Amino acid sequence: LPEESVYCMTKAALIHLTKCLAVEWGSRGVNVNAIAPTFVETPGTEKALSNPAFKADVEERIAALHRIGQPGDVTGAVVFLVSPAASLITGHTIVIDGGWTAR
């Protein structure tokens, strides 16, 4: 992302922090995971996505599905991670991006 170095750096830091905390807290029975969603239609993204050119650019970047995410696209992963089915998963970041990073 050109001119987004600070944003990119903080995302990378959070992914690594997730791994570090998983190792540090695992002996206490704590699983640590993260979710990295693409653009999701929320009140926080409403202003940016109201710009037709910006929205079209985002939809193009979401390589596989070409659509903006909805909150429900993310909640399933959250429910899974807090369920017993994910009891052995820790230190991972689940990317929910419709194929953005597959490019």
Protein backbone atom coordinates (compact mmCIF):
# COMPACT_ATOMS: atom_id res chain seq x y z
CA LEU A 1 0.00 0.00 0.00
CA PRO A 2 1.84 3.10 -1.17
CA GLU A 3 2.03 5.87 1.45
CA GLU A 4 0.58 3.53 4.08
CA SER A 5 3.83 2.42 5.73
CA VAL A 6 2.73 3.15 9.29
CA TYR A 7 -0.55 1.29 8.78
CA CYS A 8 1.27 -1.69 7.26
CA MET A 9 3.89 -1.69 10.02
CA THR A 10 1.28 -1.75 12.77
CA LYS A 11 -0.61 -4.61 11.10
CA ALA A 12 2.61 -6.62 10.90
CA ALA A 13 3.35 -5.80 14.55
CA LEU A 14 -0.08 -7.05 15.65
CA ILE A 15 0.39 -10.30 13.74
CA HIS A 16 3.74 -10.87 15.44
CA LEU A 17 2.37 -9.82 18.83
CA THR A 18 -0.34 -12.46 18.41
CA LYS A 19 2.35 -15.12 17.95
CA CYS A 20 4.44 -13.89 20.88
CA LEU A 21 1.49 -13.71 23.27
CA ALA A 22 0.36 -17.18 22.22
CA VAL A 23 3.75 -18.54 23.31
CA GLU A 24 3.86 -16.45 26.50
CA TRP A 25 0.32 -17.16 27.65
CA GLY A 26 -0.09 -20.73 26.40
CA SER A 27 1.18 -22.24 29.66
CA ARG A 28 -1.69 -20.43 31.40
CA GLY A 29 -4.26 -22.04 29.11
CA VAL A 30 -4.84 -18.89 27.08
CA ASN A 31 -5.18 -19.09 23.30
CA VAL A 32 -4.28 -15.94 21.41
CA ASN A 33 -5.40 -15.44 17.83
CA ALA A 34 -6.22 -12.48 15.62
CA ILE A 35 -8.58 -11.74 12.78
CA ALA A 36 -7.52 -9.55 9.85
CA PRO A 37 -10.57 -8.55 7.84
CA THR A 38 -10.73 -6.70 4.56
CA PHE A 39 -12.89 -3.61 4.17
CA VAL A 40 -16.15 -4.31 5.96
CA GLU A 41 -19.23 -2.13 5.70
CA THR A 42 -19.45 -0.52 9.14
CA PRO A 43 -20.14 2.99 10.43
CA GLY A 44 -16.35 3.46 10.49
CA THR A 45 -15.95 2.73 6.77
CA GLU A 46 -19.17 4.36 5.60
CA LYS A 47 -17.58 7.69 4.64
CA ALA A 48 -14.72 6.15 2.63
CA LEU A 49 -16.98 3.63 0.89
CA SER A 50 -19.47 6.35 -0.06
CA ASN A 51 -16.91 7.55 -2.61
CA PRO A 52 -17.77 5.52 -5.75
CA ALA A 53 -14.19 5.59 -7.11
CA PHE A 54 -12.72 4.44 -3.79
CA LYS A 55 -15.33 1.71 -3.41
CA ALA A 56 -14.68 0.46 -6.97
CA ASP A 57 -10.94 0.38 -6.27
CA VAL A 58 -11.47 -1.63 -3.07
CA GLU A 59 -13.79 -4.07 -4.83
CA GLU A 60 -11.19 -4.56 -7.57
CA ARG A 61 -8.44 -5.24 -5.00
CA ILE A 62 -10.56 -7.90 -3.32
CA ALA A 63 -9.25 -10.21 -5.99
CA ALA A 64 -11.34 -13.34 -5.67
CA LEU A 65 -14.76 -12.13 -4.57
CA HIS A 66 -14.82 -8.47 -5.67
CA ARG A 67 -17.16 -7.33 -2.92
CA ILE A 68 -17.00 -5.36 0.29
CA GLY A 69 -17.23 -7.45 3.44
CA GLN A 70 -20.23 -7.51 5.74
CA PRO A 71 -20.01 -7.89 9.53
CA GLY A 72 -21.40 -11.42 9.22
CA ASP A 73 -18.40 -12.37 7.09
CA VAL A 74 -16.23 -11.88 10.18
CA THR A 75 -18.46 -13.07 13.02
CA GLY A 76 -18.28 -16.73 11.96
CA ALA A 77 -14.51 -16.74 12.48
CA VAL A 78 -14.92 -15.12 15.89
CA VAL A 79 -17.51 -17.69 16.96
CA PHE A 80 -15.23 -20.49 15.75
CA LEU A 81 -12.18 -19.15 17.61
CA VAL A 82 -14.04 -18.89 20.93
CA SER A 83 -15.55 -22.36 20.53
CA PRO A 84 -14.10 -25.66 21.76
CA ALA A 85 -13.49 -26.58 18.10
CA ALA A 86 -10.56 -24.12 18.10
CA SER A 87 -9.02 -25.27 21.39
CA LEU A 88 -5.69 -26.21 19.79
CA ILE A 89 -5.42 -23.12 17.58
CA THR A 90 -3.19 -20.37 18.92
CA GLY A 91 -0.76 -17.86 17.49
CA HIS A 92 -2.58 -17.49 14.20
CA THR A 93 -4.09 -14.63 12.28
CA ILE A 94 -7.14 -15.53 10.25
CA VAL A 95 -7.22 -13.37 7.14
CA ILE A 96 -10.76 -12.68 5.96
CA ASP A 97 -10.09 -10.64 2.86
CA GLY A 98 -12.00 -12.14 -0.05
CA GLY A 99 -8.72 -12.89 -1.80
CA TRP A 100 -7.05 -9.46 -1.42
CA THR A 101 -3.74 -10.95 -0.25
CA ALA A 102 -3.93 -13.78 -2.79
CA ARG A 103 -2.83 -11.36 -5.51
